[in-house]
Amino acid sequence: MENDQGRNELKERVPVNLLDGVLTEKELLDLFGLDKPFLDYLRSEKKFPFCRVSMKTRFYLVEDVYEYIKSKRLILNKDE
């Protein structure tokens, strides 16, 4: 309960729009329907960008995720 109170106080002090561009790992997994082993693979093998807060806590910047996805874009049959 005490921890929840601290979080609520922090949410009141930090402008909501400041954190709109940040995703938790769970939010990212849910958003794209990924499983954790695949996200681990993307980070370790494909240089998927993330912010490490601690050994177990990571955040993802929406802008970084967008740029990564955009860099993987393929356009097939463009001239058709």
PDB file of N, CA and C in Angstrom:
ATOM      1  N   MET A   1       0.808  -1.193   0.000  1.00  0.00           N
ATOM      2  CA  MET A   1       0.000   0.000   0.000  1.00  0.00           C
ATOM      3  C   MET A   1       0.855   1.262   0.000  1.00  0.00           C
ATOM      4  N   GLU A   2       1.889   1.254   0.821  1.00  0.00           N
ATOM      5  CA  GLU A   2       2.767   2.414   0.918  1.00  0.00           C
ATOM      6  C   GLU A   2       3.435   2.693  -0.423  1.00  0.00           C
ATOM      7  N   ASN A   3       3.815   1.631  -1.130  1.00  0.00           N
ATOM      8  CA  ASN A   3       4.458   1.782  -2.436  1.00  0.00           C
ATOM      9  C   ASN A   3       3.486   2.386  -3.453  1.00  0.00           C
ATOM     10  N   ASP A   4       2.220   1.967  -3.402  1.00  0.00           N
ATOM     11  CA  ASP A   4       1.206   2.518  -4.303  1.00  0.00           C
ATOM     12  C   ASP A   4       1.021   4.011  -4.068  1.00  0.00           C
ATOM     13  N   GLN A   5       1.067   4.428  -2.825  1.00  0.00           N
ATOM     14  CA  GLN A   5       0.911   5.843  -2.497  1.00  0.00           C
ATOM     15  C   GLN A   5       2.063   6.647  -3.099  1.00  0.00           C
ATOM     16  N   GLY A   6       3.274   6.125  -2.997  1.00  0.00           N
ATOM     17  CA  GLY A   6       4.436   6.795  -3.578  1.00  0.00           C
ATOM     18  C   GLY A   6       4.313   6.913  -5.080  1.00  0.00           C
ATOM     19  N   ARG A   7       3.825   5.861  -5.735  1.00  0.00           N
ATOM     20  CA  ARG A   7       3.633   5.899  -7.189  1.00  0.00           C
ATOM     21  C   ARG A   7       2.606   6.939  -7.577  1.00  0.00           C
ATOM     22  N   ASN A   8       1.513   6.989  -6.826  1.00  0.00           N
ATOM     23  CA  ASN A   8       0.467   7.964  -7.130  1.00  0.00           C
ATOM     24  C   ASN A   8       0.980   9.397  -6.972  1.00  0.00           C
ATOM     25  N   GLU A   9       1.774   9.625  -5.934  1.00  0.00           N
ATOM     26  CA  GLU A   9       2.349  10.954  -5.740  1.00  0.00           C
ATOM     27  C   GLU A   9       3.289  11.319  -6.884  1.00  0.00           C
ATOM     28  N   LEU A  10       4.084  10.352  -7.331  1.00  0.00           N
ATOM     29  CA  LEU A  10       4.998  10.586  -8.449  1.00  0.00           C
ATOM     30  C   LEU A  10       4.211  10.903  -9.717  1.00  0.00           C
ATOM     31  N   LYS A  11       3.144  10.151  -9.969  1.00  0.00           N
ATOM     32  CA  LYS A  11       2.326  10.392 -11.164  1.00  0.00           C
ATOM     33  C   LYS A  11       1.739  11.799 -11.155  1.00  0.00           C
ATOM     34  N   GLU A  12       1.422  12.300  -9.985  1.00  0.00           N
ATOM     35  CA  GLU A  12       0.862  13.650  -9.884  1.00  0.00           C
ATOM     36  C   GLU A  12       1.907  14.719 -10.186  1.00  0.00           C
ATOM     37  N   ARG A  13       3.169  14.442  -9.901  1.00  0.00           N
ATOM     38  CA  ARG A  13       4.235  15.430 -10.090  1.00  0.00           C
ATOM     39  C   ARG A  13       4.834  15.385 -11.493  1.00  0.00           C
ATOM     40  N   VAL A  14       4.813  14.232 -12.140  1.00  0.00           N
ATOM     41  CA  VAL A  14       5.427  14.097 -13.464  1.00  0.00           C
ATOM     42  C   VAL A  14       4.362  14.342 -14.521  1.00  0.00           C
ATOM     43  N   PRO A  15       4.601  15.264 -15.441  1.00  0.00           N
ATOM     44  CA  PRO A  15       3.623  15.500 -16.505  1.00  0.00           C
ATOM     45  C   PRO A  15       3.380  14.224 -17.306  1.00  0.00           C
ATOM     46  N   VAL A  16       2.127  13.884 -17.491  1.00  0.00           N
ATOM     47  CA  VAL A  16       1.767  12.648 -18.173  1.00  0.00           C
ATOM     48  C   VAL A  16       2.367  12.606 -19.570  1.00  0.00           C
ATOM     49  N   ASN A  17       2.303  13.687 -20.303  1.00  0.00           N
ATOM     50  CA  ASN A  17       2.787  13.682 -21.674  1.00  0.00           C
ATOM     51  C   ASN A  17       4.294  13.452 -21.763  1.00  0.00           C
ATOM     52  N   LEU A  18       5.004  13.712 -20.687  1.00  0.00           N
ATOM     53  CA  LEU A  18       6.441  13.471 -20.665  1.00  0.00           C
ATOM     54  C   LEU A  18       6.741  11.981 -20.781  1.00  0.00           C
ATOM     55  N   LEU A  19       5.878  11.148 -20.234  1.00  0.00           N
ATOM     56  CA  LEU A  19       6.092   9.708 -20.255  1.00  0.00           C
ATOM     57  C   LEU A  19       5.288   8.989 -21.323  1.00  0.00           C
ATOM     58  N   ASP A  20       4.547   9.719 -22.138  1.00  0.00           N
ATOM     59  CA  ASP A  20       3.767   9.090 -23.206  1.00  0.00           C
ATOM     60  C   ASP A  20       4.648   8.316 -24.166  1.00  0.00           C
ATOM     61  N   GLY A  21       5.885   8.727 -24.319  1.00  0.00           N
ATOM     62  CA  GLY A  21       6.774   8.099 -25.273  1.00  0.00           C
ATOM     63  C   GLY A  21       7.597   6.967 -24.697  1.00  0.00           C
ATOM     64  N   VAL A  22       7.178   6.441 -23.537  1.00  0.00           N
ATOM     65  CA  VAL A  22       7.916   5.359 -22.887  1.00  0.00           C
ATOM     66  C   VAL A  22       6.993   4.158 -22.703  1.00  0.00           C
ATOM     67  N   LEU A  23       7.503   2.966 -23.042  1.00  0.00           N
ATOM     68  CA  LEU A  23       6.749   1.726 -22.877  1.00  0.00           C
ATOM     69  C   LEU A  23       7.470   0.820 -21.899  1.00  0.00           C
ATOM     70  N   THR A  24       6.710   0.133 -21.070  1.00  0.00           N
ATOM     71  CA  THR A  24       7.303  -0.917 -20.249  1.00  0.00           C
ATOM     72  C   THR A  24       7.481  -2.148 -21.140  1.00  0.00           C
ATOM     73  N   GLU A  25       8.237  -3.107 -20.656  1.00  0.00           N
ATOM     74  CA  GLU A  25       8.426  -4.333 -21.433  1.00  0.00           C
ATOM     75  C   GLU A  25       7.090  -5.035 -21.642  1.00  0.00           C
ATOM     76  N   LYS A  26       6.263  -5.091 -20.616  1.00  0.00           N
ATOM     77  CA  LYS A  26       4.948  -5.739 -20.745  1.00  0.00           C
ATOM     78  C   LYS A  26       4.085  -5.019 -21.778  1.00  0.00           C
ATOM     79  N   GLU A  27       4.098  -3.697 -21.755  1.00  0.00           N
ATOM     80  CA  GLU A  27       3.313  -2.940 -22.732  1.00  0.00           C
ATOM     81  C   GLU A  27       3.788  -3.231 -24.152  1.00  0.00           C
ATOM     82  N   LEU A  28       5.097  -3.307 -24.342  1.00  0.00           N
ATOM     83  CA  LEU A  28       5.642  -3.591 -25.667  1.00  0.00           C
ATOM     84  C   LEU A  28       5.249  -4.995 -26.119  1.00  0.00           C
ATOM     85  N   LEU A  29       5.385  -5.973 -25.224  1.00  0.00           N
ATOM     86  CA  LEU A  29       5.010  -7.350 -25.556  1.00  0.00           C
ATOM     87  C   LEU A  29       3.531  -7.428 -25.927  1.00  0.00           C
ATOM     88  N   ASP A  30       2.677  -6.786 -25.139  1.00  0.00           N
ATOM     89  CA  ASP A  30       1.233  -6.798 -25.408  1.00  0.00           C
ATOM     90  C   ASP A  30       0.889  -6.060 -26.697  1.00  0.00           C
ATOM     91  N   LEU A  31       1.528  -4.934 -26.919  1.00  0.00           N
ATOM     92  CA  LEU A  31       1.238  -4.110 -28.091  1.00  0.00           C
ATOM     93  C   LEU A  31       1.483  -4.861 -29.393  1.00  0.00           C
ATOM     94  N   PHE A  32       2.595  -5.591 -29.454  1.00  0.00           N
ATOM     95  CA  PHE A  32       2.948  -6.285 -30.693  1.00  0.00           C
ATOM     96  C   PHE A  32       2.668  -7.778 -30.653  1.00  0.00           C
ATOM     97  N   GLY A  33       2.146  -8.277 -29.560  1.00  0.00           N
ATOM     98  CA  GLY A  33       1.836  -9.697 -29.454  1.00  0.00           C
ATOM     99  C   GLY A  33       3.086 -10.570 -29.486  1.00  0.00           C
ATOM    100  N   LEU A  34       4.163 -10.076 -28.904  1.00  0.00           N
ATOM    101  CA  LEU A  34       5.423 -10.815 -28.871  1.00  0.00           C
ATOM    102  C   LEU A  34       5.514 -11.622 -27.586  1.00  0.00           C
ATOM    103  N   ASP A  35       6.369 -12.659 -27.608  1.00  0.00           N
ATOM    104  CA  ASP A  35       6.673 -13.336 -26.352  1.00  0.00           C
ATOM    105  C   ASP A  35       8.054 -12.899 -25.885  1.00  0.00           C
ATOM    106  N   LYS A  36       8.319 -13.060 -24.596  1.00  0.00           N
ATOM    107  CA  LYS A  36       9.549 -12.551 -24.014  1.00  0.00           C
ATOM    108  C   LYS A  36      10.804 -13.142 -24.651  1.00  0.00           C
ATOM    109  N   PRO A  37      10.854 -14.455 -24.936  1.00  0.00           N
ATOM    110  CA  PRO A  37      12.072 -14.987 -25.578  1.00  0.00           C
ATOM    111  C   PRO A  37      12.381 -14.317 -26.924  1.00  0.00           C
ATOM    112  N   PHE A  38      11.350 -13.982 -27.682  1.00  0.00           N
ATOM    113  CA  PHE A  38      11.599 -13.321 -28.964  1.00  0.00           C
ATOM    114  C   PHE A  38      12.118 -11.900 -28.758  1.00  0.00           C
ATOM    115  N   LEU A  39      11.570 -11.196 -27.773  1.00  0.00           N
ATOM    116  CA  LEU A  39      12.064  -9.851 -27.479  1.00  0.00           C
ATOM    117  C   LEU A  39      13.512  -9.919 -26.983  1.00  0.00           C
ATOM    118  N   ASP A  40      13.825 -10.917 -26.172  1.00  0.00           N
ATOM    119  CA  ASP A  40      15.214 -11.121 -25.723  1.00  0.00           C
ATOM    120  C   ASP A  40      16.130 -11.325 -26.927  1.00  0.00           C
ATOM    121  N   TYR A  41      15.667 -12.109 -27.896  1.00  0.00           N
ATOM    122  CA  TYR A  41      16.428 -12.356 -29.126  1.00  0.00           C
ATOM    123  C   TYR A  41      16.631 -11.046 -29.909  1.00  0.00           C
ATOM    124  N   LEU A  42      15.578 -10.267 -30.044  1.00  0.00           N
ATOM    125  CA  LEU A  42      15.697  -8.997 -30.767  1.00  0.00           C
ATOM    126  C   LEU A  42      16.739  -8.086 -30.112  1.00  0.00           C
ATOM    127  N   ARG A  43      16.700  -8.012 -28.790  1.00  0.00           N
ATOM    128  CA  ARG A  43      17.658  -7.162 -28.079  1.00  0.00           C
ATOM    129  C   ARG A  43      19.083  -7.675 -28.241  1.00  0.00           C
ATOM    130  N   SER A  44      19.288  -8.970 -28.036  1.00  0.00           N
ATOM    131  CA  SER A  44      20.658  -9.497 -28.015  1.00  0.00           C
ATOM    132  C   SER A  44      21.241  -9.717 -29.400  1.00  0.00           C
ATOM    133  N   GLU A  45      20.427 -10.116 -30.353  1.00  0.00           N
ATOM    134  CA  GLU A  45      20.952 -10.471 -31.680  1.00  0.00           C
ATOM    135  C   GLU A  45      20.690  -9.414 -32.755  1.00  0.00           C
ATOM    136  N   LYS A  46      19.630  -8.662 -32.603  1.00  0.00           N
ATOM    137  CA  LYS A  46      19.232  -7.710 -33.652  1.00  0.00           C
ATOM    138  C   LYS A  46      19.355  -6.256 -33.232  1.00  0.00           C
ATOM    139  N   LYS A  47      19.981  -6.033 -32.067  1.00  0.00           N
ATOM    140  CA  LYS A  47      20.241  -4.675 -31.583  1.00  0.00           C
ATOM    141  C   LYS A  47      18.967  -3.831 -31.404  1.00  0.00           C
ATOM    142  N   PHE A  48      17.908  -4.468 -30.925  1.00  0.00           N
ATOM    143  CA  PHE A  48      16.672  -3.752 -30.640  1.00  0.00           C
ATOM    144  C   PHE A  48      16.942  -2.791 -29.487  1.00  0.00           C
ATOM    145  N   PRO A  49      16.638  -1.498 -29.647  1.00  0.00           N
ATOM    146  CA  PRO A  49      16.995  -0.496 -28.633  1.00  0.00           C
ATOM    147  C   PRO A  49      16.137  -0.583 -27.368  1.00  0.00           C
ATOM    148  N   PHE A  50      16.786  -0.372 -26.235  1.00  0.00           N
ATOM    149  CA  PHE A  50      16.084  -0.373 -24.958  1.00  0.00           C
ATOM    150  C   PHE A  50      16.868   0.441 -23.948  1.00  0.00           C
ATOM    151  N   CYS A  51      16.202   0.776 -22.854  1.00  0.00           N
ATOM    152  CA  CYS A  51      16.834   1.484 -21.742  1.00  0.00           C
ATOM    153  C   CYS A  51      16.846   0.536 -20.551  1.00  0.00           C
ATOM    154  N   ARG A  52      18.030   0.217 -20.066  1.00  0.00           N
ATOM    155  CA  ARG A  52      18.127  -0.680 -18.912  1.00  0.00           C
ATOM    156  C   ARG A  52      18.117   0.152 -17.645  1.00  0.00           C
ATOM    157  N   VAL A  53      17.131  -0.102 -16.812  1.00  0.00           N
ATOM    158  CA  VAL A  53      17.006   0.597 -15.544  1.00  0.00           C
ATOM    159  C   VAL A  53      17.679  -0.217 -14.440  1.00  0.00           C
ATOM    160  N   SER A  54      17.532  -1.538 -14.516  1.00  0.00           N
ATOM    161  CA  SER A  54      18.191  -2.455 -13.598  1.00  0.00           C
ATOM    162  C   SER A  54      18.390  -3.759 -14.364  1.00  0.00           C
ATOM    163  N   MET A  55      18.899  -4.767 -13.703  1.00  0.00           N
ATOM    164  CA  MET A  55      19.143  -6.038 -14.393  1.00  0.00           C
ATOM    165  C   MET A  55      17.844  -6.649 -14.939  1.00  0.00           C
ATOM    166  N   LYS A  56      16.729  -6.374 -14.303  1.00  0.00           N
ATOM    167  CA  LYS A  56      15.465  -6.983 -14.724  1.00  0.00           C
ATOM    168  C   LYS A  56      14.453  -5.991 -15.287  1.00  0.00           C
ATOM    169  N   THR A  57      14.742  -4.708 -15.205  1.00  0.00           N
ATOM    170  CA  THR A  57      13.775  -3.700 -15.636  1.00  0.00           C
ATOM    171  C   THR A  57      14.297  -2.952 -16.848  1.00  0.00           C
ATOM    172  N   ARG A  58      13.490  -2.972 -17.903  1.00  0.00           N
ATOM    173  CA  ARG A  58      13.832  -2.257 -19.132  1.00  0.00           C
ATOM    174  C   ARG A  58      12.635  -1.428 -19.575  1.00  0.00           C
ATOM    175  N   PHE A  59      12.944  -0.307 -20.192  1.00  0.00           N
ATOM    176  CA  PHE A  59      11.928   0.532 -20.804  1.00  0.00           C
ATOM    177  C   PHE A  59      12.290   0.714 -22.264  1.00  0.00           C
ATOM    178  N   TYR A  60      11.306   1.059 -23.053  1.00  0.00           N
ATOM    179  CA  TYR A  60      11.500   1.234 -24.490  1.00  0.00           C
ATOM    180  C   TYR A  60      10.926   2.576 -24.900  1.00  0.00           C
ATOM    181  N   LEU A  61      11.701   3.349 -25.619  1.00  0.00           N
ATOM    182  CA  LEU A  61      11.221   4.630 -26.111  1.00  0.00           C
ATOM    183  C   LEU A  61      10.442   4.394 -27.395  1.00  0.00           C
ATOM    184  N   VAL A  62       9.236   4.928 -27.456  1.00  0.00           N
ATOM    185  CA  VAL A  62       8.378   4.746 -28.619  1.00  0.00           C
ATOM    186  C   VAL A  62       9.112   5.179 -29.888  1.00  0.00           C
ATOM    187  N   GLU A  63       9.823   6.268 -29.820  1.00  0.00           N
ATOM    188  CA  GLU A  63      10.564   6.774 -30.977  1.00  0.00           C
ATOM    189  C   GLU A  63      11.609   5.755 -31.454  1.00  0.00           C
ATOM    190  N   ASP A  64      12.316   5.116 -30.517  1.00  0.00           N
ATOM    191  CA  ASP A  64      13.312   4.098 -30.883  1.00  0.00           C
ATOM    192  C   ASP A  64      12.656   2.882 -31.524  1.00  0.00           C
ATOM    193  N   VAL A  65      11.537   2.453 -30.944  1.00  0.00           N
ATOM    194  CA  VAL A  65      10.813   1.298 -31.480  1.00  0.00           C
ATOM    195  C   VAL A  65      10.340   1.601 -32.898  1.00  0.00           C
ATOM    196  N   TYR A  66       9.774   2.786 -33.087  1.00  0.00           N
ATOM    197  CA  TYR A  66       9.300   3.200 -34.406  1.00  0.00           C
ATOM    198  C   TYR A  66      10.443   3.219 -35.421  1.00  0.00           C
ATOM    199  N   GLU A  67      11.566   3.809 -35.046  1.00  0.00           N
ATOM    200  CA  GLU A  67      12.712   3.896 -35.961  1.00  0.00           C
ATOM    201  C   GLU A  67      13.257   2.510 -36.291  1.00  0.00           C
ATOM    202  N   TYR A  68      13.282   1.614 -35.306  1.00  0.00           N
ATOM    203  CA  TYR A  68      13.754   0.249 -35.559  1.00  0.00           C
ATOM    204  C   TYR A  68      12.828  -0.447 -36.562  1.00  0.00           C
ATOM    205  N   ILE A  69      11.537  -0.355 -36.322  1.00  0.00           N
ATOM    206  CA  ILE A  69      10.570  -0.982 -37.232  1.00  0.00           C
ATOM    207  C   ILE A  69      10.688  -0.372 -38.627  1.00  0.00           C
ATOM    208  N   LYS A  70      10.788   0.936 -38.679  1.00  0.00           N
ATOM    209  CA  LYS A  70      10.897   1.628 -39.965  1.00  0.00           C
ATOM    210  C   LYS A  70      12.154   1.183 -40.722  1.00  0.00           C
ATOM    211  N   SER A  71      13.241   0.945 -40.004  1.00  0.00           N
ATOM    212  CA  SER A  71      14.492   0.527 -40.653  1.00  0.00           C
ATOM    213  C   SER A  71      14.389  -0.880 -41.245  1.00  0.00           C
ATOM    214  N   LYS A  72      13.426  -1.663 -40.783  1.00  0.00           N
ATOM    215  CA  LYS A  72      13.238  -3.039 -41.274  1.00  0.00           C
ATOM    216  C   LYS A  72      12.194  -3.132 -42.381  1.00  0.00           C
ATOM    217  N   ARG A  73      11.648  -1.999 -42.762  1.00  0.00           N
ATOM    218  CA  ARG A  73      10.561  -1.977 -43.748  1.00  0.00           C
ATOM    219  C   ARG A  73      11.055  -2.438 -45.112  1.00  0.00           C
ATOM    220  N   LEU A  74      10.268  -3.290 -45.741  1.00  0.00           N
ATOM    221  CA  LEU A  74      10.518  -3.735 -47.098  1.00  0.00           C
ATOM    222  C   LEU A  74       9.314  -3.376 -47.945  1.00  0.00           C
ATOM    223  N   ILE A  75       9.557  -2.943 -49.147  1.00  0.00           N
ATOM    224  CA  ILE A  75       8.466  -2.644 -50.072  1.00  0.00           C
ATOM    225  C   ILE A  75       8.663  -3.553 -51.278  1.00  0.00           C
ATOM    226  N   LEU A  76       7.756  -4.511 -51.416  1.00  0.00           N
ATOM    227  CA  LEU A  76       7.839  -5.453 -52.525  1.00  0.00           C
ATOM    228  C   LEU A  76       6.899  -5.002 -53.641  1.00  0.00           C
ATOM    229  N   ASN A  77       7.268  -5.303 -54.849  1.00  0.00           N
ATOM    230  CA  ASN A  77       6.430  -4.988 -56.006  1.00  0.00           C
ATOM    231  C   ASN A  77       6.111  -3.494 -56.090  1.00  0.00           C
ATOM    232  N   LYS A  78       7.086  -2.689 -55.783  1.00  0.00           N
ATOM    233  CA  LYS A  78       6.883  -1.239 -55.755  1.00  0.00           C
ATOM    234  C   LYS A  78       6.504  -0.686 -57.129  1.00  0.00           C
ATOM    235  N   ASP A  79       7.059  -1.248 -58.175  1.00  0.00           N
ATOM    236  CA  ASP A  79       6.832  -0.725 -59.528  1.00  0.00           C
ATOM    237  C   ASP A  79       5.568  -1.288 -60.181  1.00  0.00           C
ATOM    238  N   GLU A  80       4.852  -2.124 -59.526  1.00  0.00           N
ATOM    239  CA  GLU A  80       3.648  -2.711 -60.140  1.00  0.00           C
ATOM    240  C   GLU A  80       2.443  -1.848 -59.962  1.00  0.00           C
TER     241      GLU A  80
END
